């Protein structure tokens, strides 16, 4: 089994297989949350989550919007 290593918000994380951004969102239990994802310095539009494949060494920043008032 090939592991991929991603850096997410500055922390190294390993995953058992290659995946796309949409699969990562599921893996991190972020489904249904308002999030923004940046991959290697570029924002990934939500419409592209299925199409953008992640590779070992990718640097991700994930921001979860918090509601309030």
N, C-alpha and C. Protein backbone atom coordinates (compact mmCIF):
# COMPACT_ATOMS: atom_id res chain seq x y z
N UNK A 1 0.84 -1.17 0.00
CA UNK A 1 0.00 0.00 0.00
C UNK A 1 0.89 1.24 0.00
N UNK A 2 0.59 2.17 -0.88
CA UNK A 2 1.39 3.38 -1.00
C UNK A 2 0.78 4.50 -0.15
N UNK A 3 1.59 5.05 0.72
CA UNK A 3 1.14 6.17 1.55
C UNK A 3 1.43 7.48 0.83
N UNK A 4 0.53 8.45 1.01
CA UNK A 4 0.87 9.79 0.57
C UNK A 4 0.98 10.65 1.82
N UNK A 5 1.89 11.60 1.78
CA UNK A 5 2.08 12.49 2.91
C UNK A 5 1.73 13.91 2.48
N UNK A 6 0.80 14.49 3.21
CA UNK A 6 0.35 15.85 2.95
C UNK A 6 0.66 16.71 4.17
N UNK A 7 0.89 17.98 3.95
CA UNK A 7 1.02 18.91 5.05
C UNK A 7 -0.27 19.72 5.08
N UNK A 8 -1.02 19.57 6.18
CA UNK A 8 -2.32 20.23 6.32
C UNK A 8 -2.23 21.21 7.48
N UNK A 9 -2.39 22.50 7.15
CA UNK A 9 -2.28 23.57 8.16
C UNK A 9 -1.00 23.43 8.98
N UNK A 10 0.09 23.08 8.30
CA UNK A 10 1.39 23.01 8.94
C UNK A 10 1.74 21.67 9.59
N UNK A 11 0.79 20.74 9.62
CA UNK A 11 1.03 19.44 10.26
C UNK A 11 1.11 18.34 9.21
N UNK A 12 2.13 17.49 9.31
CA UNK A 12 2.28 16.36 8.39
C UNK A 12 1.25 15.29 8.71
N UNK A 13 0.56 14.83 7.68
CA UNK A 13 -0.43 13.75 7.85
C UNK A 13 -0.20 12.74 6.75
N UNK A 14 -0.38 11.47 7.10
CA UNK A 14 -0.24 10.39 6.12
C UNK A 14 -1.59 9.75 5.85
N UNK A 15 -1.80 9.40 4.59
CA UNK A 15 -3.04 8.75 4.18
C UNK A 15 -2.66 7.50 3.38
N UNK A 16 -3.49 6.45 3.47
CA UNK A 16 -3.13 5.16 2.89
C UNK A 16 -3.19 5.09 1.37
N UNK A 17 -3.71 6.09 0.71
CA UNK A 17 -3.82 6.00 -0.75
C UNK A 17 -3.90 7.40 -1.33
N UNK A 18 -3.72 7.46 -2.63
CA UNK A 18 -3.90 8.75 -3.28
C UNK A 18 -5.39 9.09 -3.25
N UNK A 19 -5.68 10.37 -3.27
CA UNK A 19 -7.08 10.79 -3.20
C UNK A 19 -7.21 12.16 -3.84
N UNK A 20 -8.46 12.55 -4.07
CA UNK A 20 -8.70 13.90 -4.55
C UNK A 20 -9.16 14.76 -3.38
N UNK A 21 -9.36 16.04 -3.63
CA UNK A 21 -9.73 16.96 -2.55
C UNK A 21 -11.06 16.56 -1.93
N UNK A 22 -12.03 16.13 -2.74
CA UNK A 22 -13.34 15.73 -2.21
C UNK A 22 -13.20 14.56 -1.24
N UNK A 23 -12.36 13.59 -1.57
CA UNK A 23 -12.14 12.44 -0.67
C UNK A 23 -11.46 12.88 0.61
N UNK A 24 -10.56 13.84 0.53
CA UNK A 24 -9.90 14.36 1.72
C UNK A 24 -10.91 15.03 2.65
N UNK A 25 -11.84 15.79 2.07
CA UNK A 25 -12.88 16.46 2.86
C UNK A 25 -13.67 15.42 3.65
N UNK A 26 -14.00 14.29 3.02
CA UNK A 26 -14.70 13.20 3.71
C UNK A 26 -13.82 12.63 4.81
N UNK A 27 -12.57 12.36 4.49
CA UNK A 27 -11.61 11.77 5.43
C UNK A 27 -11.44 12.64 6.68
N UNK A 28 -11.49 13.95 6.51
CA UNK A 28 -11.29 14.87 7.62
C UNK A 28 -12.60 15.28 8.31
N UNK A 29 -13.70 14.62 7.93
CA UNK A 29 -15.02 14.90 8.51
C UNK A 29 -15.43 16.36 8.35
N UNK A 30 -15.20 16.91 7.16
CA UNK A 30 -15.55 18.29 6.90
C UNK A 30 -16.73 18.42 5.93
N UNK A 31 -17.40 17.31 5.64
CA UNK A 31 -18.53 17.32 4.71
C UNK A 31 -19.63 18.22 5.26
N UNK A 32 -20.17 19.07 4.42
CA UNK A 32 -21.26 19.94 4.81
C UNK A 32 -20.84 21.22 5.51
N UNK A 33 -19.54 21.35 5.79
CA UNK A 33 -19.06 22.57 6.45
C UNK A 33 -18.61 23.56 5.39
N UNK A 34 -18.66 24.82 5.74
CA UNK A 34 -18.19 25.87 4.83
C UNK A 34 -16.68 25.96 4.98
N UNK A 35 -15.99 25.51 3.95
CA UNK A 35 -14.53 25.47 4.01
C UNK A 35 -13.91 26.11 2.77
N UNK A 36 -12.69 26.55 2.94
CA UNK A 36 -11.87 27.01 1.82
C UNK A 36 -10.58 26.19 1.88
N UNK A 37 -10.14 25.72 0.72
CA UNK A 37 -8.92 24.91 0.66
C UNK A 37 -7.94 25.53 -0.33
N UNK A 38 -6.71 25.67 0.15
CA UNK A 38 -5.62 26.16 -0.69
C UNK A 38 -4.63 25.01 -0.84
N UNK A 39 -4.26 24.72 -2.07
CA UNK A 39 -3.28 23.65 -2.35
C UNK A 39 -2.07 24.26 -3.02
N UNK A 40 -0.93 24.16 -2.37
CA UNK A 40 0.33 24.68 -2.91
C UNK A 40 0.20 26.14 -3.34
N UNK A 41 -0.52 26.92 -2.53
CA UNK A 41 -0.62 28.35 -2.79
C UNK A 41 -1.78 28.77 -3.67
N UNK A 42 -2.54 27.81 -4.21
CA UNK A 42 -3.67 28.14 -5.08
C UNK A 42 -4.97 27.68 -4.44
N UNK A 43 -5.98 28.57 -4.45
CA UNK A 43 -7.30 28.20 -3.94
C UNK A 43 -7.90 27.13 -4.86
N UNK A 44 -8.49 26.11 -4.26
CA UNK A 44 -9.19 25.07 -5.03
C UNK A 44 -10.68 25.39 -4.97
N UNK A 45 -11.30 25.76 -6.10
CA UNK A 45 -12.73 26.03 -6.09
C UNK A 45 -13.51 24.76 -5.72
N UNK A 46 -14.60 24.93 -4.98
CA UNK A 46 -15.41 23.78 -4.57
C UNK A 46 -15.82 22.93 -5.78
N UNK A 47 -16.07 23.57 -6.90
CA UNK A 47 -16.49 22.84 -8.11
C UNK A 47 -15.38 21.93 -8.64
N UNK A 48 -14.15 22.12 -8.16
CA UNK A 48 -13.01 21.33 -8.64
C UNK A 48 -12.54 20.28 -7.64
N UNK A 49 -13.22 20.16 -6.49
CA UNK A 49 -12.78 19.21 -5.45
C UNK A 49 -12.63 17.79 -5.99
N UNK A 50 -13.56 17.35 -6.85
CA UNK A 50 -13.50 15.98 -7.40
C UNK A 50 -12.35 15.84 -8.39
N UNK A 51 -12.01 16.91 -9.08
CA UNK A 51 -11.04 16.84 -10.18
C UNK A 51 -9.59 17.01 -9.73
N UNK A 52 -9.37 17.62 -8.57
CA UNK A 52 -8.01 17.93 -8.14
C UNK A 52 -7.44 16.76 -7.33
N UNK A 53 -6.48 16.07 -7.94
CA UNK A 53 -5.82 14.93 -7.27
C UNK A 53 -4.72 15.46 -6.36
N UNK A 54 -4.60 14.87 -5.21
CA UNK A 54 -3.55 15.24 -4.26
C UNK A 54 -2.35 14.32 -4.45
N UNK A 55 -1.17 14.88 -4.25
CA UNK A 55 0.06 14.11 -4.40
C UNK A 55 0.91 14.27 -3.15
N UNK A 56 1.71 13.28 -2.88
CA UNK A 56 2.61 13.33 -1.74
C UNK A 56 3.43 14.61 -1.82
N UNK A 57 3.52 15.32 -0.70
CA UNK A 57 4.27 16.56 -0.65
C UNK A 57 3.43 17.81 -0.81
N UNK A 58 2.14 17.64 -1.17
CA UNK A 58 1.28 18.81 -1.30
C UNK A 58 1.14 19.53 0.03
N UNK A 59 1.09 20.86 -0.04
CA UNK A 59 0.89 21.71 1.13
C UNK A 59 -0.53 22.25 1.06
N UNK A 60 -1.34 21.95 2.08
CA UNK A 60 -2.72 22.38 2.09
C UNK A 60 -2.99 23.29 3.28
N UNK A 61 -3.80 24.29 3.04
CA UNK A 61 -4.33 25.12 4.12
C UNK A 61 -5.85 24.97 4.03
N UNK A 62 -6.46 24.59 5.12
CA UNK A 62 -7.90 24.41 5.15
C UNK A 62 -8.47 25.34 6.21
N UNK A 63 -9.38 26.19 5.79
CA UNK A 63 -10.02 27.14 6.70
C UNK A 63 -11.50 26.79 6.78
N UNK A 64 -11.99 26.63 8.00
CA UNK A 64 -13.40 26.34 8.23
C UNK A 64 -14.06 27.62 8.70
N UNK A 65 -15.10 28.04 7.98
CA UNK A 65 -15.83 29.26 8.35
C UNK A 65 -16.65 28.98 9.60
N UNK A 66 -16.60 29.89 10.54
CA UNK A 66 -17.34 29.76 11.80
C UNK A 66 -18.40 30.85 11.82
N UNK A 67 -19.65 30.43 11.98
CA UNK A 67 -20.74 31.40 12.04
C UNK A 67 -20.82 32.02 13.42
N UNK A 68 -21.47 33.12 13.49
CA UNK A 68 -21.63 33.79 14.76
C UNK A 68 -22.29 35.13 14.58
N UNK A 69 -22.49 35.80 15.66
CA UNK A 69 -23.13 37.08 15.47
C UNK A 69 -23.04 37.97 16.64
